[in-house]
Amino acid sequence: MITDFVAHNDAVQLDKSIFASVNDMLSNHTADTAAGAVITDAFGDTITFAGIKAAELQAHAGDFHLV
């Protein structure tokens, strides 16, 4: 769980084999929960952004990098 993510200040780097693109990740693999926005990969692994909505992550797609 990421508890202190700040859009435009922080960045997230993930392996490019996990998602087809950042847009795919944010549009198809991200959901709002009571805990915050959760990104889930095909294996069921998750990253939770506490207190953040999925729309906020989508609005700051440049904060995510697939390398």
PDB file of N, CA and C in Angstrom:
ATOM      1  N   MET A   1       0.841  -1.168   0.000  1.00  0.00           N
ATOM      2  CA  MET A   1       0.000   0.000   0.000  1.00  0.00           C
ATOM      3  C   MET A   1       0.891   1.236   0.000  1.00  0.00           C
ATOM      4  N   ILE A   2       0.563   2.162  -0.879  1.00  0.00           N
ATOM      5  CA  ILE A   2       1.266   3.436  -0.938  1.00  0.00           C
ATOM      6  C   ILE A   2       0.402   4.455  -0.209  1.00  0.00           C
ATOM      7  N   THR A   3       0.938   5.026   0.856  1.00  0.00           N
ATOM      8  CA  THR A   3       0.129   5.913   1.701  1.00  0.00           C
ATOM      9  C   THR A   3       0.422   7.387   1.504  1.00  0.00           C
ATOM     10  N   ASP A   4       1.473   7.709   0.755  1.00  0.00           N
ATOM     11  CA  ASP A   4       1.850   9.110   0.631  1.00  0.00           C
ATOM     12  C   ASP A   4       2.108   9.543  -0.810  1.00  0.00           C
ATOM     13  N   PHE A   5       1.372   8.958  -1.760  1.00  0.00           N
ATOM     14  CA  PHE A   5       1.545   9.295  -3.173  1.00  0.00           C
ATOM     15  C   PHE A   5       1.016  10.695  -3.446  1.00  0.00           C
ATOM     16  N   VAL A   6       1.827  11.512  -4.107  1.00  0.00           N
ATOM     17  CA  VAL A   6       1.439  12.870  -4.475  1.00  0.00           C
ATOM     18  C   VAL A   6       1.614  13.011  -5.987  1.00  0.00           C
ATOM     19  N   ALA A   7       0.500  13.205  -6.700  1.00  0.00           N
ATOM     20  CA  ALA A   7       0.557  13.357  -8.151  1.00  0.00           C
ATOM     21  C   ALA A   7       1.484  14.505  -8.522  1.00  0.00           C
ATOM     22  N   HIS A   8       2.237  14.332  -9.573  1.00  0.00           N
ATOM     23  CA  HIS A   8       3.227  15.272 -10.110  1.00  0.00           C
ATOM     24  C   HIS A   8       4.485  15.391  -9.254  1.00  0.00           C
ATOM     25  N   ASN A   9       4.498  14.839  -8.053  1.00  0.00           N
ATOM     26  CA  ASN A   9       5.717  14.805  -7.251  1.00  0.00           C
ATOM     27  C   ASN A   9       6.334  13.417  -7.252  1.00  0.00           C
ATOM     28  N   ASP A  10       5.485  12.401  -7.313  1.00  0.00           N
ATOM     29  CA  ASP A  10       5.933  11.014  -7.228  1.00  0.00           C
ATOM     30  C   ASP A  10       5.764  10.320  -8.570  1.00  0.00           C
ATOM     31  N   ALA A  11       6.493   9.239  -8.746  1.00  0.00           N
ATOM     32  CA  ALA A  11       6.391   8.435  -9.959  1.00  0.00           C
ATOM     33  C   ALA A  11       6.390   6.965  -9.574  1.00  0.00           C
ATOM     34  N   VAL A  12       5.748   6.166 -10.417  1.00  0.00           N
ATOM     35  CA  VAL A  12       5.689   4.721 -10.217  1.00  0.00           C
ATOM     36  C   VAL A  12       6.278   4.070 -11.461  1.00  0.00           C
ATOM     37  N   GLN A  13       7.231   3.188 -11.271  1.00  0.00           N
ATOM     38  CA  GLN A  13       7.875   2.478 -12.370  1.00  0.00           C
ATOM     39  C   GLN A  13       7.586   0.995 -12.227  1.00  0.00           C
ATOM     40  N   LEU A  14       7.029   0.406 -13.287  1.00  0.00           N
ATOM     41  CA  LEU A  14       6.694  -1.014 -13.293  1.00  0.00           C
ATOM     42  C   LEU A  14       7.303  -1.676 -14.522  1.00  0.00           C
ATOM     43  N   ASP A  15       7.474  -2.975 -14.457  1.00  0.00           N
ATOM     44  CA  ASP A  15       7.997  -3.717 -15.590  1.00  0.00           C
ATOM     45  C   ASP A  15       6.996  -3.672 -16.745  1.00  0.00           C
ATOM     46  N   LYS A  16       7.505  -3.435 -17.952  1.00  0.00           N
ATOM     47  CA  LYS A  16       6.634  -3.295 -19.122  1.00  0.00           C
ATOM     48  C   LYS A  16       5.934  -4.594 -19.514  1.00  0.00           C
ATOM     49  N   SER A  17       6.349  -5.724 -18.964  1.00  0.00           N
ATOM     50  CA  SER A  17       5.688  -6.989 -19.299  1.00  0.00           C
ATOM     51  C   SER A  17       4.376  -7.183 -18.529  1.00  0.00           C
ATOM     52  N   ILE A  18       4.122  -6.340 -17.549  1.00  0.00           N
ATOM     53  CA  ILE A  18       2.933  -6.519 -16.703  1.00  0.00           C
ATOM     54  C   ILE A  18       1.663  -6.007 -17.376  1.00  0.00           C
ATOM     55  N   PHE A  19       1.746  -4.849 -18.038  1.00  0.00           N
ATOM     56  CA  PHE A  19       0.583  -4.236 -18.680  1.00  0.00           C
ATOM     57  C   PHE A  19       0.942  -3.846 -20.106  1.00  0.00           C
ATOM     58  N   ALA A  20      -0.058  -3.802 -20.988  1.00  0.00           N
ATOM     59  CA  ALA A  20       0.171  -3.441 -22.391  1.00  0.00           C
ATOM     60  C   ALA A  20       0.628  -1.994 -22.529  1.00  0.00           C
ATOM     61  N   SER A  21       0.096  -1.127 -21.683  1.00  0.00           N
ATOM     62  CA  SER A  21       0.442   0.298 -21.710  1.00  0.00           C
ATOM     63  C   SER A  21      -0.018   0.925 -20.400  1.00  0.00           C
ATOM     64  N   VAL A  22       0.413   2.142 -20.153  1.00  0.00           N
ATOM     65  CA  VAL A  22      -0.058   2.861 -18.965  1.00  0.00           C
ATOM     66  C   VAL A  22      -1.561   3.081 -19.072  1.00  0.00           C
ATOM     67  N   ASN A  23      -2.041   3.428 -20.268  1.00  0.00           N
ATOM     68  CA  ASN A  23      -3.472   3.629 -20.457  1.00  0.00           C
ATOM     69  C   ASN A  23      -4.251   2.352 -20.152  1.00  0.00           C
ATOM     70  N   ASP A  24      -3.751   1.215 -20.618  1.00  0.00           N
ATOM     71  CA  ASP A  24      -4.382  -0.072 -20.321  1.00  0.00           C
ATOM     72  C   ASP A  24      -4.438  -0.304 -18.817  1.00  0.00           C
ATOM     73  N   MET A  25      -3.323  -0.056 -18.144  1.00  0.00           N
ATOM     74  CA  MET A  25      -3.257  -0.266 -16.700  1.00  0.00           C
ATOM     75  C   MET A  25      -4.292   0.599 -15.971  1.00  0.00           C
ATOM     76  N   LEU A  26      -4.330   1.884 -16.315  1.00  0.00           N
ATOM     77  CA  LEU A  26      -5.212   2.797 -15.594  1.00  0.00           C
ATOM     78  C   LEU A  26      -6.675   2.650 -15.988  1.00  0.00           C
ATOM     79  N   SER A  27      -6.943   2.248 -17.226  1.00  0.00           N
ATOM     80  CA  SER A  27      -8.333   2.121 -17.685  1.00  0.00           C
ATOM     81  C   SER A  27      -8.956   0.764 -17.372  1.00  0.00           C
ATOM     82  N   ASN A  28      -8.150  -0.291 -17.468  1.00  0.00           N
ATOM     83  CA  ASN A  28      -8.699  -1.646 -17.370  1.00  0.00           C
ATOM     84  C   ASN A  28      -8.312  -2.420 -16.120  1.00  0.00           C
ATOM     85  N   HIS A  29      -7.335  -1.940 -15.387  1.00  0.00           N
ATOM     86  CA  HIS A  29      -6.836  -2.693 -14.238  1.00  0.00           C
ATOM     87  C   HIS A  29      -6.853  -1.889 -12.940  1.00  0.00           C
ATOM     88  N   THR A  30      -7.516  -0.749 -12.951  1.00  0.00           N
ATOM     89  CA  THR A  30      -7.560   0.119 -11.778  1.00  0.00           C
ATOM     90  C   THR A  30      -9.001   0.313 -11.339  1.00  0.00           C
ATOM     91  N   ALA A  31      -9.243   0.176 -10.042  1.00  0.00           N
ATOM     92  CA  ALA A  31     -10.603   0.322  -9.504  1.00  0.00           C
ATOM     93  C   ALA A  31     -10.557   1.090  -8.195  1.00  0.00           C
ATOM     94  N   ASP A  32     -11.639   1.803  -7.918  1.00  0.00           N
ATOM     95  CA  ASP A  32     -11.779   2.473  -6.634  1.00  0.00           C
ATOM     96  C   ASP A  32     -12.273   1.489  -5.582  1.00  0.00           C
ATOM     97  N   THR A  33     -11.688   1.547  -4.403  1.00  0.00           N
ATOM     98  CA  THR A  33     -12.137   0.748  -3.269  1.00  0.00           C
ATOM     99  C   THR A  33     -12.239   1.680  -2.062  1.00  0.00           C
ATOM    100  N   ALA A  34     -12.728   1.164  -0.978  1.00  0.00           N
ATOM    101  CA  ALA A  34     -12.812   1.969   0.249  1.00  0.00           C
ATOM    102  C   ALA A  34     -11.431   2.411   0.722  1.00  0.00           C
ATOM    103  N   ALA A  35     -10.397   1.624   0.410  1.00  0.00           N
ATOM    104  CA  ALA A  35      -9.029   1.946   0.837  1.00  0.00           C
ATOM    105  C   ALA A  35      -8.345   2.936  -0.097  1.00  0.00           C
ATOM    106  N   GLY A  36      -8.832   3.048  -1.325  1.00  0.00           N
ATOM    107  CA  GLY A  36      -8.216   3.915  -2.329  1.00  0.00           C
ATOM    108  C   GLY A  36      -8.207   3.226  -3.678  1.00  0.00           C
ATOM    109  N   ALA A  37      -7.505   3.812  -4.633  1.00  0.00           N
ATOM    110  CA  ALA A  37      -7.401   3.220  -5.966  1.00  0.00           C
ATOM    111  C   ALA A  37      -6.489   1.994  -5.905  1.00  0.00           C
ATOM    112  N   VAL A  38      -6.928   0.918  -6.560  1.00  0.00           N
ATOM    113  CA  VAL A  38      -6.155  -0.327  -6.562  1.00  0.00           C
ATOM    114  C   VAL A  38      -5.881  -0.739  -7.998  1.00  0.00           C
ATOM    115  N   ILE A  39      -4.611  -0.959  -8.300  1.00  0.00           N
ATOM    116  CA  ILE A  39      -4.192  -1.503  -9.584  1.00  0.00           C
ATOM    117  C   ILE A  39      -3.926  -2.984  -9.378  1.00  0.00           C
ATOM    118  N   THR A  40      -4.540  -3.822 -10.216  1.00  0.00           N
ATOM    119  CA  THR A  40      -4.409  -5.280 -10.091  1.00  0.00           C
ATOM    120  C   THR A  40      -3.864  -5.856 -11.393  1.00  0.00           C
ATOM    121  N   ASP A  41      -2.817  -6.657 -11.316  1.00  0.00           N
ATOM    122  CA  ASP A  41      -2.281  -7.283 -12.519  1.00  0.00           C
ATOM    123  C   ASP A  41      -2.957  -8.629 -12.782  1.00  0.00           C
ATOM    124  N   ALA A  42      -2.559  -9.284 -13.854  1.00  0.00           N
ATOM    125  CA  ALA A  42      -3.187 -10.544 -14.269  1.00  0.00           C
ATOM    126  C   ALA A  42      -2.983 -11.669 -13.265  1.00  0.00           C
ATOM    127  N   PHE A  43      -2.000 -11.545 -12.384  1.00  0.00           N
ATOM    128  CA  PHE A  43      -1.727 -12.578 -11.384  1.00  0.00           C
ATOM    129  C   PHE A  43      -2.425 -12.306 -10.056  1.00  0.00           C
ATOM    130  N   GLY A  44      -3.154 -11.179  -9.988  1.00  0.00           N
ATOM    131  CA  GLY A  44      -3.839 -10.826  -8.749  1.00  0.00           C
ATOM    132  C   GLY A  44      -3.011  -9.994  -7.789  1.00  0.00           C
ATOM    133  N   ASP A  45      -1.791  -9.639  -8.196  1.00  0.00           N
ATOM    134  CA  ASP A  45      -0.973  -8.758  -7.369  1.00  0.00           C
ATOM    135  C   ASP A  45      -1.546  -7.346  -7.439  1.00  0.00           C
ATOM    136  N   THR A  46      -1.484  -6.619  -6.331  1.00  0.00           N
ATOM    137  CA  THR A  46      -2.100  -5.296  -6.281  1.00  0.00           C
ATOM    138  C   THR A  46      -1.158  -4.222  -5.740  1.00  0.00           C
ATOM    139  N   ILE A  47      -1.455  -3.003  -6.141  1.00  0.00           N
ATOM    140  CA  ILE A  47      -0.865  -1.812  -5.547  1.00  0.00           C
ATOM    141  C   ILE A  47      -2.051  -0.936  -5.156  1.00  0.00           C
ATOM    142  N   THR A  48      -2.127  -0.560  -3.883  1.00  0.00           N
ATOM    143  CA  THR A  48      -3.205   0.303  -3.405  1.00  0.00           C
ATOM    144  C   THR A  48      -2.639   1.684  -3.124  1.00  0.00           C
ATOM    145  N   PHE A  49      -3.314   2.696  -3.656  1.00  0.00           N
ATOM    146  CA  PHE A  49      -2.954   4.090  -3.422  1.00  0.00           C
ATOM    147  C   PHE A  49      -3.957   4.653  -2.422  1.00  0.00           C
ATOM    148  N   ALA A  50      -3.574   4.662  -1.148  1.00  0.00           N
ATOM    149  CA  ALA A  50      -4.474   5.071  -0.070  1.00  0.00           C
ATOM    150  C   ALA A  50      -4.955   6.507  -0.275  1.00  0.00           C
ATOM    151  N   GLY A  51      -6.276   6.689  -0.184  1.00  0.00           N
ATOM    152  CA  GLY A  51      -6.863   8.010  -0.248  1.00  0.00           C
ATOM    153  C   GLY A  51      -6.900   8.645  -1.627  1.00  0.00           C
ATOM    154  N   ILE A  52      -6.567   7.879  -2.658  1.00  0.00           N
ATOM    155  CA  ILE A  52      -6.533   8.383  -4.034  1.00  0.00           C
ATOM    156  C   ILE A  52      -7.637   7.702  -4.835  1.00  0.00           C
ATOM    157  N   LYS A  53      -8.299   8.440  -5.696  1.00  0.00           N
ATOM    158  CA  LYS A  53      -9.313   7.881  -6.594  1.00  0.00           C
ATOM    159  C   LYS A  53      -8.658   7.487  -7.915  1.00  0.00           C
ATOM    160  N   ALA A  54      -9.233   6.485  -8.588  1.00  0.00           N
ATOM    161  CA  ALA A  54      -8.715   6.035  -9.881  1.00  0.00           C
ATOM    162  C   ALA A  54      -8.673   7.185 -10.882  1.00  0.00           C
ATOM    163  N   ALA A  55      -9.672   8.058 -10.860  1.00  0.00           N
ATOM    164  CA  ALA A  55      -9.710   9.193 -11.792  1.00  0.00           C
ATOM    165  C   ALA A  55      -8.512  10.112 -11.603  1.00  0.00           C
ATOM    166  N   GLU A  56      -8.045  10.253 -10.374  1.00  0.00           N
ATOM    167  CA  GLU A  56      -6.868  11.087 -10.120  1.00  0.00           C
ATOM    168  C   GLU A  56      -5.624  10.457 -10.727  1.00  0.00           C
ATOM    169  N   LEU A  57      -5.500   9.130 -10.611  1.00  0.00           N
ATOM    170  CA  LEU A  57      -4.368   8.450 -11.236  1.00  0.00           C
ATOM    171  C   LEU A  57      -4.445   8.590 -12.750  1.00  0.00           C
ATOM    172  N   GLN A  58      -5.631   8.428 -13.313  1.00  0.00           N
ATOM    173  CA  GLN A  58      -5.816   8.557 -14.763  1.00  0.00           C
ATOM    174  C   GLN A  58      -5.473   9.960 -15.237  1.00  0.00           C
ATOM    175  N   ALA A  59      -5.782  10.967 -14.439  1.00  0.00           N
ATOM    176  CA  ALA A  59      -5.490  12.352 -14.811  1.00  0.00           C
ATOM    177  C   ALA A  59      -3.985  12.650 -14.774  1.00  0.00           C
ATOM    178  N   HIS A  60      -3.241  11.799 -14.098  1.00  0.00           N
ATOM    179  CA  HIS A  60      -1.783  11.991 -13.980  1.00  0.00           C
ATOM    180  C   HIS A  60      -1.040  10.766 -14.508  1.00  0.00           C
ATOM    181  N   ALA A  61      -1.446  10.306 -15.679  1.00  0.00           N
ATOM    182  CA  ALA A  61      -0.844   9.107 -16.267  1.00  0.00           C
ATOM    183  C   ALA A  61       0.661   9.264 -16.477  1.00  0.00           C
ATOM    184  N   GLY A  62       1.146  10.475 -16.617  1.00  0.00           N
ATOM    185  CA  GLY A  62       2.569  10.713 -16.794  1.00  0.00           C
ATOM    186  C   GLY A  62       3.408  10.369 -15.583  1.00  0.00           C
ATOM    187  N   ASP A  63       2.747  10.109 -14.450  1.00  0.00           N
ATOM    188  CA  ASP A  63       3.456   9.705 -13.247  1.00  0.00           C
ATOM    189  C   ASP A  63       3.824   8.216 -13.264  1.00  0.00           C
ATOM    190  N   PHE A  64       3.329   7.493 -14.274  1.00  0.00           N
ATOM    191  CA  PHE A  64       3.551   6.043 -14.367  1.00  0.00           C
ATOM    192  C   PHE A  64       4.449   5.730 -15.552  1.00  0.00           C
ATOM    193  N   HIS A  65       5.401   4.831 -15.320  1.00  0.00           N
ATOM    194  CA  HIS A  65       6.365   4.474 -16.363  1.00  0.00           C
ATOM    195  C   HIS A  65       6.496   2.951 -16.431  1.00  0.00           C
ATOM    196  N   LEU A  66       6.332   2.403 -17.619  1.00  0.00           N
ATOM    197  CA  LEU A  66       6.550   0.972 -17.844  1.00  0.00           C
ATOM    198  C   LEU A  66       7.892   0.834 -18.533  1.00  0.00           C
ATOM    199  N   VAL A  67       8.820   0.169 -17.876  1.00  0.00           N
ATOM    200  CA  VAL A  67      10.184   0.054 -18.421  1.00  0.00           C
ATOM    201  C   VAL A  67      10.618  -1.395 -18.511  1.00  0.00           C
TER     202      VAL A  67
END
